[in-house]
Amino acid sequence: MSFKNILVPIDFSPRSYAALEAAADVATQFDSKITLLHIIDVPETDRPQYQLALDTVGNHENSGKDDIPAILFAMKETKRQLREAREKYPKITFIEKVVFDRVHRQIYTVVEESDVDLIVMGSSGASGLGEVFIGSNTQKVVRNANCPVLVIKDDEGDFNARNIVFASDFSEMGGEAARLFPLFKTLYGSTVHLLNIVTPSTFEATPTTQKRMREFAKDLKMEKEDFTMNIFNYYTEEEGILTFAEENKADMIMLGTHGRKGFSRFMMGSIAENVANHSEIPVFVFRQD
């Protein structure tokens, strides 16, 4: 498995630039191309004017700010920022898209049209900083995207997934994880901490859980030095995942989900979405289908 077509939604915030840097690191490893997607959410009635500005911006390179409509100037500024963003990575092939739509809806459209196999997006999570790609948008993308989603949670851009927590109930075998784990091992020399959260309502005998985890690791042909097995008691799955990751200084949380089709009791509903939204470290979500 490799990531050849990477989508990076960018709103020119520090967090989205950090997402671009993480995507560029992966792209360099795989000779990938990156699609930079900037979304302007404007009223339906105004979209034709903005689209006209987008289509004609190239014809006004010699005009000054006072010579062109405000919309057209905004489009020129967007183009300039996109150009500056991609110029930092001269060895990577970029595609630019500027569109007018709802954030999550347009992301799905680009994924389908461009055969995207990884989305890397910045999110300020539950705190909210007035950025475009926060909160509900992140959750909607995590819930509905058919390709893996890497959510970057800081502004530093020093992504390195060496210490990964993979949370699951391990009721299913490797699936997509069988392709992803070797990938992160190759890229970052990753150690994977297999994690099962036990809550008051999901008690299970430890030997039973350990047996499933060993079978999971065996199915993935994981070497003993590449993983650890962990059973962690906490009040809820989400809080348990976040607490364990913090206590073990994880670099990234990885979650498998069946998205809209639902999952077994562990990833049912909003667990993956909420972890992605509240985590302070990167979260990688992939479909287990």
C-alpha atoms as a PDB file:
ATOM      1  CA  MET A   1       0.000   0.000   0.000  1.00  0.00           C
ATOM      2  CA  SER A   2       1.119   3.551  -0.710  1.00  0.00           C
ATOM      3  CA  PHE A   3      -0.386   7.014  -0.706  1.00  0.00           C
ATOM      4  CA  LYS A   4      -0.054   8.374  -4.236  1.00  0.00           C
ATOM      5  CA  ASN A   5      -2.806  11.002  -4.177  1.00  0.00           C
ATOM      6  CA  ILE A   6      -2.986  13.113  -1.014  1.00  0.00           C
ATOM      7  CA  LEU A   7      -5.617  15.745  -0.319  1.00  0.00           C
ATOM      8  CA  VAL A   8      -4.806  18.653   1.988  1.00  0.00           C
ATOM      9  CA  PRO A   9      -7.640  21.091   2.791  1.00  0.00           C
ATOM     10  CA  ILE A  10      -5.942  24.408   3.510  1.00  0.00           C
ATOM     11  CA  ASP A  11      -7.374  27.563   5.100  1.00  0.00           C
ATOM     12  CA  PHE A  12      -3.948  29.220   5.539  1.00  0.00           C
ATOM     13  CA  SER A  13      -4.038  28.808   9.314  1.00  0.00           C
ATOM     14  CA  PRO A  14      -0.918  27.507  11.126  1.00  0.00           C
ATOM     15  CA  ARG A  15      -2.662  24.176  11.682  1.00  0.00           C
ATOM     16  CA  SER A  16      -3.401  23.671   8.000  1.00  0.00           C
ATOM     17  CA  TYR A  17       0.211  24.510   7.130  1.00  0.00           C
ATOM     18  CA  ALA A  18       1.297  21.874   9.658  1.00  0.00           C
ATOM     19  CA  ALA A  19      -1.002  19.404   7.889  1.00  0.00           C
ATOM     20  CA  LEU A  20       0.645  20.306   4.590  1.00  0.00           C
ATOM     21  CA  GLU A  21       4.083  19.690   6.059  1.00  0.00           C
ATOM     22  CA  ALA A  22       3.013  16.260   7.325  1.00  0.00           C
ATOM     23  CA  ALA A  23       1.522  15.451   3.927  1.00  0.00           C
ATOM     24  CA  ALA A  24       4.701  16.615   2.202  1.00  0.00           C
ATOM     25  CA  ASP A  25       6.745  14.225   4.355  1.00  0.00           C
ATOM     26  CA  VAL A  26       4.573  11.304   3.234  1.00  0.00           C
ATOM     27  CA  ALA A  27       4.536  12.531  -0.369  1.00  0.00           C
ATOM     28  CA  THR A  28       8.327  12.649  -0.449  1.00  0.00           C
ATOM     29  CA  GLN A  29       8.480   9.024   0.667  1.00  0.00           C
ATOM     30  CA  PHE A  30       6.036   7.811  -1.986  1.00  0.00           C
ATOM     31  CA  ASP A  31       6.561  10.294  -4.820  1.00  0.00           C
ATOM     32  CA  SER A  32       2.946  11.357  -4.274  1.00  0.00           C
ATOM     33  CA  LYS A  33       1.076  14.302  -5.680  1.00  0.00           C
ATOM     34  CA  ILE A  34      -0.784  16.659  -3.340  1.00  0.00           C
ATOM     35  CA  THR A  35      -4.062  18.390  -4.054  1.00  0.00           C
ATOM     36  CA  LEU A  36      -4.364  21.669  -2.150  1.00  0.00           C
ATOM     37  CA  LEU A  37      -8.031  22.411  -1.572  1.00  0.00           C
ATOM     38  CA  HIS A  38      -9.172  25.842  -0.426  1.00  0.00           C
ATOM     39  CA  ILE A  39     -12.885  26.129   0.246  1.00  0.00           C
ATOM     40  CA  ILE A  40     -14.745  29.416   0.456  1.00  0.00           C
ATOM     41  CA  ASP A  41     -18.123  29.072   2.105  1.00  0.00           C
ATOM     42  CA  VAL A  42     -20.331  31.766   0.567  1.00  0.00           C
ATOM     43  CA  PRO A  43     -24.106  32.031   0.160  1.00  0.00           C
ATOM     44  CA  GLU A  44     -25.561  30.151  -2.797  1.00  0.00           C
ATOM     45  CA  THR A  45     -26.665  33.401  -4.417  1.00  0.00           C
ATOM     46  CA  ASP A  46     -23.130  34.832  -4.387  1.00  0.00           C
ATOM     47  CA  ARG A  47     -21.339  31.777  -5.764  1.00  0.00           C
ATOM     48  CA  PRO A  48     -21.666  32.721  -9.478  1.00  0.00           C
ATOM     49  CA  GLN A  49     -19.814  35.991  -8.809  1.00  0.00           C
ATOM     50  CA  TYR A  50     -17.054  34.209  -6.937  1.00  0.00           C
ATOM     51  CA  GLN A  51     -16.788  31.564  -9.635  1.00  0.00           C
ATOM     52  CA  LEU A  52     -16.408  34.278 -12.258  1.00  0.00           C
ATOM     53  CA  ALA A  53     -13.620  35.827 -10.195  1.00  0.00           C
ATOM     54  CA  LEU A  54     -11.909  32.472  -9.958  1.00  0.00           C
ATOM     55  CA  ASP A  55     -12.192  31.888 -13.703  1.00  0.00           C
ATOM     56  CA  THR A  56     -10.888  35.333 -14.654  1.00  0.00           C
ATOM     57  CA  VAL A  57      -8.259  35.979 -12.004  1.00  0.00           C
ATOM     58  CA  GLY A  58      -5.453  35.203 -14.430  1.00  0.00           C
ATOM     59  CA  ASN A  59      -6.496  38.083 -16.675  1.00  0.00           C
ATOM     60  CA  HIS A  60      -5.840  40.752 -14.057  1.00  0.00           C
ATOM     61  CA  GLU A  61      -2.233  40.187 -13.074  1.00  0.00           C
ATOM     62  CA  ASN A  62      -1.329  43.849 -13.715  1.00  0.00           C
ATOM     63  CA  SER A  63      -4.283  45.400 -11.916  1.00  0.00           C
ATOM     64  CA  GLY A  64      -3.973  47.082  -8.561  1.00  0.00           C
ATOM     65  CA  LYS A  65      -6.154  46.547  -5.523  1.00  0.00           C
ATOM     66  CA  ASP A  66      -8.306  49.599  -6.287  1.00  0.00           C
ATOM     67  CA  ASP A  67      -8.853  48.591  -9.904  1.00  0.00           C
ATOM     68  CA  ILE A  68     -10.663  45.338  -9.337  1.00  0.00           C
ATOM     69  CA  PRO A  69     -13.730  44.231  -7.375  1.00  0.00           C
ATOM     70  CA  ALA A  70     -13.213  43.043  -3.809  1.00  0.00           C
ATOM     71  CA  ILE A  71     -14.133  39.485  -4.762  1.00  0.00           C
ATOM     72  CA  LEU A  72     -11.540  39.383  -7.511  1.00  0.00           C
ATOM     73  CA  PHE A  73      -8.868  40.781  -5.215  1.00  0.00           C
ATOM     74  CA  ALA A  74      -9.704  38.095  -2.634  1.00  0.00           C
ATOM     75  CA  MET A  75      -9.303  35.435  -5.307  1.00  0.00           C
ATOM     76  CA  LYS A  76      -5.932  36.823  -6.361  1.00  0.00           C
ATOM     77  CA  GLU A  77      -4.805  36.759  -2.730  1.00  0.00           C
ATOM     78  CA  THR A  78      -5.941  33.143  -2.395  1.00  0.00           C
ATOM     79  CA  LYS A  79      -3.959  32.190  -5.492  1.00  0.00           C
ATOM     80  CA  ARG A  80      -0.895  33.964  -4.099  1.00  0.00           C
ATOM     81  CA  GLN A  81      -1.110  32.108  -0.793  1.00  0.00           C
ATOM     82  CA  LEU A  82      -1.497  28.774  -2.549  1.00  0.00           C
ATOM     83  CA  ARG A  83       1.530  29.513  -4.703  1.00  0.00           C
ATOM     84  CA  GLU A  84       3.637  30.399  -1.662  1.00  0.00           C
ATOM     85  CA  ALA A  85       2.502  27.238   0.133  1.00  0.00           C
ATOM     86  CA  ARG A  86       3.537  24.905  -2.670  1.00  0.00           C
ATOM     87  CA  GLU A  87       6.811  26.721  -3.393  1.00  0.00           C
ATOM     88  CA  LYS A  88       8.164  25.436  -0.067  1.00  0.00           C
ATOM     89  CA  TYR A  89       8.137  21.929  -1.544  1.00  0.00           C
ATOM     90  CA  PRO A  90       9.595  22.246  -5.062  1.00  0.00           C
ATOM     91  CA  LYS A  91      10.063  18.496  -5.577  1.00  0.00           C
ATOM     92  CA  ILE A  92       6.384  17.667  -5.035  1.00  0.00           C
ATOM     93  CA  THR A  93       3.715  17.836  -7.738  1.00  0.00           C
ATOM     94  CA  PHE A  94       0.740  19.962  -6.673  1.00  0.00           C
ATOM     95  CA  ILE A  95      -2.794  20.407  -7.935  1.00  0.00           C
ATOM     96  CA  GLU A  96      -4.723  23.468  -6.767  1.00  0.00           C
ATOM     97  CA  LYS A  97      -8.470  23.660  -6.264  1.00  0.00           C
ATOM     98  CA  VAL A  98     -10.395  26.720  -5.062  1.00  0.00           C
ATOM     99  CA  VAL A  99     -14.109  26.080  -4.702  1.00  0.00           C
ATOM    100  CA  PHE A 100     -17.248  27.512  -3.146  1.00  0.00           C
ATOM    101  CA  ASP A 101     -19.173  24.993  -1.104  1.00  0.00           C
ATOM    102  CA  ARG A 102     -19.599  23.450   2.326  1.00  0.00           C
ATOM    103  CA  VAL A 103     -16.305  22.119   3.670  1.00  0.00           C
ATOM    104  CA  HIS A 104     -17.106  18.458   4.241  1.00  0.00           C
ATOM    105  CA  ARG A 105     -19.250  18.144   1.100  1.00  0.00           C
ATOM    106  CA  GLN A 106     -16.540  19.479  -1.174  1.00  0.00           C
ATOM    107  CA  ILE A 107     -13.913  17.253   0.413  1.00  0.00           C
ATOM    108  CA  TYR A 108     -15.991  14.194  -0.475  1.00  0.00           C
ATOM    109  CA  THR A 109     -16.382  15.441  -4.043  1.00  0.00           C
ATOM    110  CA  VAL A 110     -12.635  15.921  -4.535  1.00  0.00           C
ATOM    111  CA  VAL A 111     -11.898  12.506  -2.999  1.00  0.00           C
ATOM    112  CA  GLU A 112     -14.246  10.816  -5.457  1.00  0.00           C
ATOM    113  CA  GLU A 113     -13.183  12.794  -8.519  1.00  0.00           C
ATOM    114  CA  SER A 114      -9.433  12.679  -7.914  1.00  0.00           C
ATOM    115  CA  ASP A 115      -9.054   9.130  -6.588  1.00  0.00           C
ATOM    116  CA  VAL A 116      -7.586  10.435  -3.325  1.00  0.00           C
ATOM    117  CA  ASP A 117      -6.171   7.737  -1.027  1.00  0.00           C
ATOM    118  CA  LEU A 118      -5.242   9.912   1.977  1.00  0.00           C
ATOM    119  CA  ILE A 119      -6.670  13.099   3.494  1.00  0.00           C
ATOM    120  CA  VAL A 120      -4.394  15.123   5.776  1.00  0.00           C
ATOM    121  CA  MET A 121      -6.197  17.948   7.537  1.00  0.00           C
ATOM    122  CA  GLY A 122      -5.529  20.274  10.421  1.00  0.00           C
ATOM    123  CA  SER A 123      -7.978  20.587  13.283  1.00  0.00           C
ATOM    124  CA  SER A 124      -7.952  22.704  16.416  1.00  0.00           C
ATOM    125  CA  GLY A 125     -10.399  20.245  17.946  1.00  0.00           C
ATOM    126  CA  ALA A 126     -12.742  21.082  20.744  1.00  0.00           C
ATOM    127  CA  SER A 127     -11.045  24.333  21.730  1.00  0.00           C
ATOM    128  CA  GLY A 128     -11.881  26.153  18.523  1.00  0.00           C
ATOM    129  CA  LEU A 129      -9.709  28.975  17.217  1.00  0.00           C
ATOM    130  CA  GLY A 130     -11.922  30.476  14.562  1.00  0.00           C
ATOM    131  CA  GLU A 131     -10.375  28.251  11.889  1.00  0.00           C
ATOM    132  CA  VAL A 132     -12.354  26.646   9.095  1.00  0.00           C
ATOM    133  CA  PHE A 133     -11.439  23.014   9.667  1.00  0.00           C
ATOM    134  CA  ILE A 134     -12.496  22.424  13.256  1.00  0.00           C
ATOM    135  CA  GLY A 135     -15.027  20.569  15.322  1.00  0.00           C
ATOM    136  CA  SER A 136     -17.971  19.360  13.322  1.00  0.00           C
ATOM    137  CA  ASN A 137     -16.165  19.545   9.967  1.00  0.00           C
ATOM    138  CA  THR A 138     -13.419  17.232  11.188  1.00  0.00           C
ATOM    139  CA  GLN A 139     -15.963  14.831  12.636  1.00  0.00           C
ATOM    140  CA  LYS A 140     -17.988  14.722   9.427  1.00  0.00           C
ATOM    141  CA  VAL A 141     -14.926  13.970   7.336  1.00  0.00           C
ATOM    142  CA  VAL A 142     -13.754  11.256   9.750  1.00  0.00           C
ATOM    143  CA  ARG A 143     -17.231   9.723   9.737  1.00  0.00           C
ATOM    144  CA  ASN A 144     -17.825   9.672   5.993  1.00  0.00           C
ATOM    145  CA  ALA A 145     -14.509   9.578   4.122  1.00  0.00           C
ATOM    146  CA  ASN A 146     -13.866   6.373   2.216  1.00  0.00           C
ATOM    147  CA  CYS A 147     -10.096   6.803   2.430  1.00  0.00           C
ATOM    148  CA  PRO A 148      -7.841   7.155   5.499  1.00  0.00           C
ATOM    149  CA  VAL A 149      -7.834  10.513   7.277  1.00  0.00           C
ATOM    150  CA  LEU A 150      -4.855  11.897   9.203  1.00  0.00           C
ATOM    151  CA  VAL A 151      -5.887  14.702  11.548  1.00  0.00           C
ATOM    152  CA  ILE A 152      -3.020  16.988  12.619  1.00  0.00           C
ATOM    153  CA  LYS A 153      -3.544  18.627  16.009  1.00  0.00           C
ATOM    154  CA  ASP A 154      -0.683  21.103  16.456  1.00  0.00           C
ATOM    155  CA  ASP A 155       0.989  23.933  14.558  1.00  0.00           C
ATOM    156  CA  GLU A 156       4.574  22.652  14.584  1.00  0.00           C
ATOM    157  CA  GLY A 157       4.534  20.388  11.535  1.00  0.00           C
ATOM    158  CA  ASP A 158       6.972  17.887  13.066  1.00  0.00           C
ATOM    159  CA  PHE A 159       4.837  14.793  12.483  1.00  0.00           C
ATOM    160  CA  ASN A 160       6.612  11.547  13.400  1.00  0.00           C
ATOM    161  CA  ALA A 161       4.468   8.487  14.140  1.00  0.00           C
ATOM    162  CA  ARG A 162       7.086   6.455  15.969  1.00  0.00           C
ATOM    163  CA  ASN A 163       4.915   5.582  18.965  1.00  0.00           C
ATOM    164  CA  ILE A 164       1.397   4.560  17.830  1.00  0.00           C
ATOM    165  CA  VAL A 165      -1.604   3.599  19.942  1.00  0.00           C
ATOM    166  CA  PHE A 166      -4.048   1.417  18.002  1.00  0.00           C
ATOM    167  CA  ALA A 167      -7.349   1.166  19.869  1.00  0.00           C
ATOM    168  CA  SER A 168      -9.845  -1.556  19.015  1.00  0.00           C
ATOM    169  CA  ASP A 169     -11.894  -4.371  20.502  1.00  0.00           C
ATOM    170  CA  PHE A 170     -10.018  -6.728  18.118  1.00  0.00           C
ATOM    171  CA  SER A 171     -13.224  -8.541  17.220  1.00  0.00           C
ATOM    172  CA  GLU A 172     -12.110  -8.485  13.580  1.00  0.00           C
ATOM    173  CA  MET A 173      -8.806  -9.457  12.070  1.00  0.00           C
ATOM    174  CA  GLY A 174      -6.288  -7.206  10.385  1.00  0.00           C
ATOM    175  CA  GLY A 175      -8.040  -6.011   7.244  1.00  0.00           C
ATOM    176  CA  GLU A 176      -6.770  -2.572   6.276  1.00  0.00           C
ATOM    177  CA  ALA A 177      -4.484  -2.531   9.323  1.00  0.00           C
ATOM    178  CA  ALA A 178      -2.467  -5.324   7.709  1.00  0.00           C
ATOM    179  CA  ARG A 179      -1.485  -2.866   4.984  1.00  0.00           C
ATOM    180  CA  LEU A 180      -1.106   0.223   7.146  1.00  0.00           C
ATOM    181  CA  PHE A 181       1.040  -1.088   9.997  1.00  0.00           C
ATOM    182  CA  PRO A 182       3.978  -2.165   7.786  1.00  0.00           C
ATOM    183  CA  LEU A 183       3.739   1.202   6.072  1.00  0.00           C
ATOM    184  CA  PHE A 184       4.268   3.155   9.289  1.00  0.00           C
ATOM    185  CA  LYS A 185       6.945   0.698  10.350  1.00  0.00           C
ATOM    186  CA  THR A 186       8.838   1.409   7.128  1.00  0.00           C
ATOM    187  CA  LEU A 187       8.375   5.184   7.272  1.00  0.00           C
ATOM    188  CA  TYR A 188       8.910   5.858  10.957  1.00  0.00           C
ATOM    189  CA  GLY A 189      10.154   2.650  12.578  1.00  0.00           C
ATOM    190  CA  SER A 190       6.882   2.604  14.493  1.00  0.00           C
ATOM    191  CA  THR A 191       6.018   0.541  17.542  1.00  0.00           C
ATOM    192  CA  VAL A 192       2.274  -0.190  17.794  1.00  0.00           C
ATOM    193  CA  HIS A 193       0.618  -0.388  21.202  1.00  0.00           C
ATOM    194  CA  LEU A 194      -2.487  -2.531  20.769  1.00  0.00           C
ATOM    195  CA  LEU A 195      -5.086  -1.142  23.155  1.00  0.00           C
ATOM    196  CA  ASN A 196      -8.389  -2.507  24.409  1.00  0.00           C
ATOM    197  CA  ILE A 197     -10.455  -0.277  26.682  1.00  0.00           C
ATOM    198  CA  VAL A 198     -12.546  -1.984  29.346  1.00  0.00           C
ATOM    199  CA  THR A 199     -15.424   0.088  30.720  1.00  0.00           C
ATOM    200  CA  PRO A 200     -17.885  -0.789  33.504  1.00  0.00           C
ATOM    201  CA  SER A 201     -20.408  -1.865  30.851  1.00  0.00           C
ATOM    202  CA  THR A 202     -17.980  -3.909  28.721  1.00  0.00           C
ATOM    203  CA  PHE A 203     -16.239  -6.151  31.240  1.00  0.00           C
ATOM    204  CA  GLU A 204     -14.490  -9.175  29.791  1.00  0.00           C
ATOM    205  CA  ALA A 205     -12.065 -11.667  31.287  1.00  0.00           C
ATOM    206  CA  THR A 206      -8.491 -10.562  30.608  1.00  0.00           C
ATOM    207  CA  PRO A 207      -7.357 -13.935  29.126  1.00  0.00           C
ATOM    208  CA  THR A 208     -10.178 -13.741  26.564  1.00  0.00           C
ATOM    209  CA  THR A 209      -9.172 -10.251  25.455  1.00  0.00           C
ATOM    210  CA  GLN A 210      -5.488 -11.154  25.338  1.00  0.00           C
ATOM    211  CA  LYS A 211      -6.218 -14.159  23.152  1.00  0.00           C
ATOM    212  CA  ARG A 212      -8.008 -11.960  20.600  1.00  0.00           C
ATOM    213  CA  MET A 213      -5.159  -9.459  20.616  1.00  0.00           C
ATOM    214  CA  ARG A 214      -2.571 -12.201  20.071  1.00  0.00           C
ATOM    215  CA  GLU A 215      -4.615 -13.579  17.172  1.00  0.00           C
ATOM    216  CA  PHE A 216      -4.857 -10.097  15.699  1.00  0.00           C
ATOM    217  CA  ALA A 217      -1.081  -9.596  15.888  1.00  0.00           C
ATOM    218  CA  LYS A 218      -0.523 -13.050  14.398  1.00  0.00           C
ATOM    219  CA  ASP A 219      -2.887 -12.267  11.519  1.00  0.00           C
ATOM    220  CA  LEU A 220      -0.801  -9.166  10.771  1.00  0.00           C
ATOM    221  CA  LYS A 221       2.448 -11.165  11.032  1.00  0.00           C
ATOM    222  CA  MET A 222       3.752  -8.653  13.567  1.00  0.00           C
ATOM    223  CA  GLU A 223       7.116  -9.316  15.168  1.00  0.00           C
ATOM    224  CA  LYS A 224       7.212  -9.329  18.990  1.00  0.00           C
ATOM    225  CA  GLU A 225       9.416  -6.244  19.111  1.00  0.00           C
ATOM    226  CA  ASP A 226       6.962  -4.286  16.927  1.00  0.00           C
ATOM    227  CA  PHE A 227       3.978  -4.243  19.289  1.00  0.00           C
ATOM    228  CA  THR A 228       2.747  -4.348  22.873  1.00  0.00           C
ATOM    229  CA  MET A 229      -0.619  -5.555  24.230  1.00  0.00           C
ATOM    230  CA  ASN A 230      -2.492  -3.314  26.629  1.00  0.00           C
ATOM    231  CA  ILE A 231      -5.815  -3.627  28.465  1.00  0.00           C
ATOM    232  CA  PHE A 232      -6.838  -0.359  30.099  1.00  0.00           C
ATOM    233  CA  ASN A 233      -9.771   0.203  32.462  1.00  0.00           C
ATOM    234  CA  TYR A 234     -11.598   3.489  32.186  1.00  0.00           C
ATOM    235  CA  TYR A 235     -15.033   5.082  32.403  1.00  0.00           C
ATOM    236  CA  THR A 236     -15.577   5.447  28.648  1.00  0.00           C
ATOM    237  CA  GLU A 237     -13.772   4.241  25.522  1.00  0.00           C
ATOM    238  CA  GLU A 238     -12.992   7.767  24.322  1.00  0.00           C
ATOM    239  CA  GLU A 239     -11.551   8.970  27.634  1.00  0.00           C
ATOM    240  CA  GLY A 240      -9.632   5.730  28.039  1.00  0.00           C
ATOM    241  CA  ILE A 241      -7.979   6.057  24.635  1.00  0.00           C
ATOM    242  CA  LEU A 242      -6.976   9.668  25.238  1.00  0.00           C
ATOM    243  CA  THR A 243      -5.713   9.000  28.768  1.00  0.00           C
ATOM    244  CA  PHE A 244      -3.674   5.957  27.763  1.00  0.00           C
ATOM    245  CA  ALA A 245      -2.146   7.833  24.826  1.00  0.00           C
ATOM    246  CA  GLU A 246      -1.168  10.736  27.077  1.00  0.00           C
ATOM    247  CA  GLU A 247       0.290   8.538  29.815  1.00  0.00           C
ATOM    248  CA  ASN A 248       2.365   6.595  27.275  1.00  0.00           C
ATOM    249  CA  LYS A 249       3.528   9.685  25.359  1.00  0.00           C
ATOM    250  CA  ALA A 250       2.080   8.433  22.080  1.00  0.00           C
ATOM    251  CA  ASP A 251       2.875  10.245  18.849  1.00  0.00           C
ATOM    252  CA  MET A 252      -0.350   9.207  17.134  1.00  0.00           C
ATOM    253  CA  ILE A 253      -3.655   7.442  17.801  1.00  0.00           C
ATOM    254  CA  MET A 254      -4.892   5.033  15.141  1.00  0.00           C
ATOM    255  CA  LEU A 255      -8.521   3.922  14.915  1.00  0.00           C
ATOM    256  CA  GLY A 256     -10.406   1.625  12.583  1.00  0.00           C
ATOM    257  CA  THR A 257     -14.052   2.337  11.857  1.00  0.00           C
ATOM    258  CA  HIS A 258     -16.821   1.150   9.580  1.00  0.00           C
ATOM    259  CA  GLY A 259     -18.072   4.712   9.247  1.00  0.00           C
ATOM    260  CA  ARG A 260     -21.703   5.008   8.248  1.00  0.00           C
ATOM    261  CA  LYS A 261     -22.299   1.258   8.342  1.00  0.00           C
ATOM    262  CA  GLY A 262     -21.642   1.112  12.059  1.00  0.00           C
ATOM    263  CA  PHE A 263     -19.193  -1.089  13.910  1.00  0.00           C
ATOM    264  CA  SER A 264     -19.079  -3.517  16.817  1.00  0.00           C
ATOM    265  CA  ARG A 265     -19.729  -1.978  20.212  1.00  0.00           C
ATOM    266  CA  PHE A 266     -16.280  -0.336  20.454  1.00  0.00           C
ATOM    267  CA  MET A 267     -16.246   1.968  17.454  1.00  0.00           C
ATOM    268  CA  MET A 268     -20.017   2.351  17.216  1.00  0.00           C
ATOM    269  CA  GLY A 269     -21.352   5.856  16.721  1.00  0.00           C
ATOM    270  CA  SER A 270     -19.084   8.776  17.488  1.00  0.00           C
ATOM    271  CA  ILE A 271     -16.065   7.259  19.278  1.00  0.00           C
ATOM    272  CA  ALA A 272     -13.617   7.738  16.404  1.00  0.00           C
ATOM    273  CA  GLU A 273     -15.029  11.176  15.614  1.00  0.00           C
ATOM    274  CA  ASN A 274     -14.815  12.358  19.223  1.00  0.00           C
ATOM    275  CA  VAL A 275     -11.292  11.048  19.695  1.00  0.00           C
ATOM    276  CA  ALA A 276     -10.212  12.859  16.529  1.00  0.00           C
ATOM    277  CA  ASN A 277     -11.852  16.031  17.789  1.00  0.00           C
ATOM    278  CA  HIS A 278     -10.560  15.986  21.384  1.00  0.00           C
ATOM    279  CA  SER A 279      -7.109  14.482  20.998  1.00  0.00           C
ATOM    280  CA  GLU A 280      -4.058  16.709  21.382  1.00  0.00           C
ATOM    281  CA  ILE A 281      -1.934  14.468  19.147  1.00  0.00           C
ATOM    282  CA  PRO A 282      -2.450  13.349  15.525  1.00  0.00           C
ATOM    283  CA  VAL A 283      -5.220  10.839  14.889  1.00  0.00           C
ATOM    284  CA  PHE A 284      -5.258   8.447  11.930  1.00  0.00           C
ATOM    285  CA  VAL A 285      -8.669   6.978  11.077  1.00  0.00           C
ATOM    286  CA  PHE A 286      -9.215   4.316   8.440  1.00  0.00           C
ATOM    287  CA  ARG A 287     -12.110   2.206   7.217  1.00  0.00           C
ATOM    288  CA  GLN A 288     -12.080  -1.429   8.315  1.00  0.00           C
ATOM    289  CA  ASP A 289     -14.459  -2.523   5.528  1.00  0.00           C
END
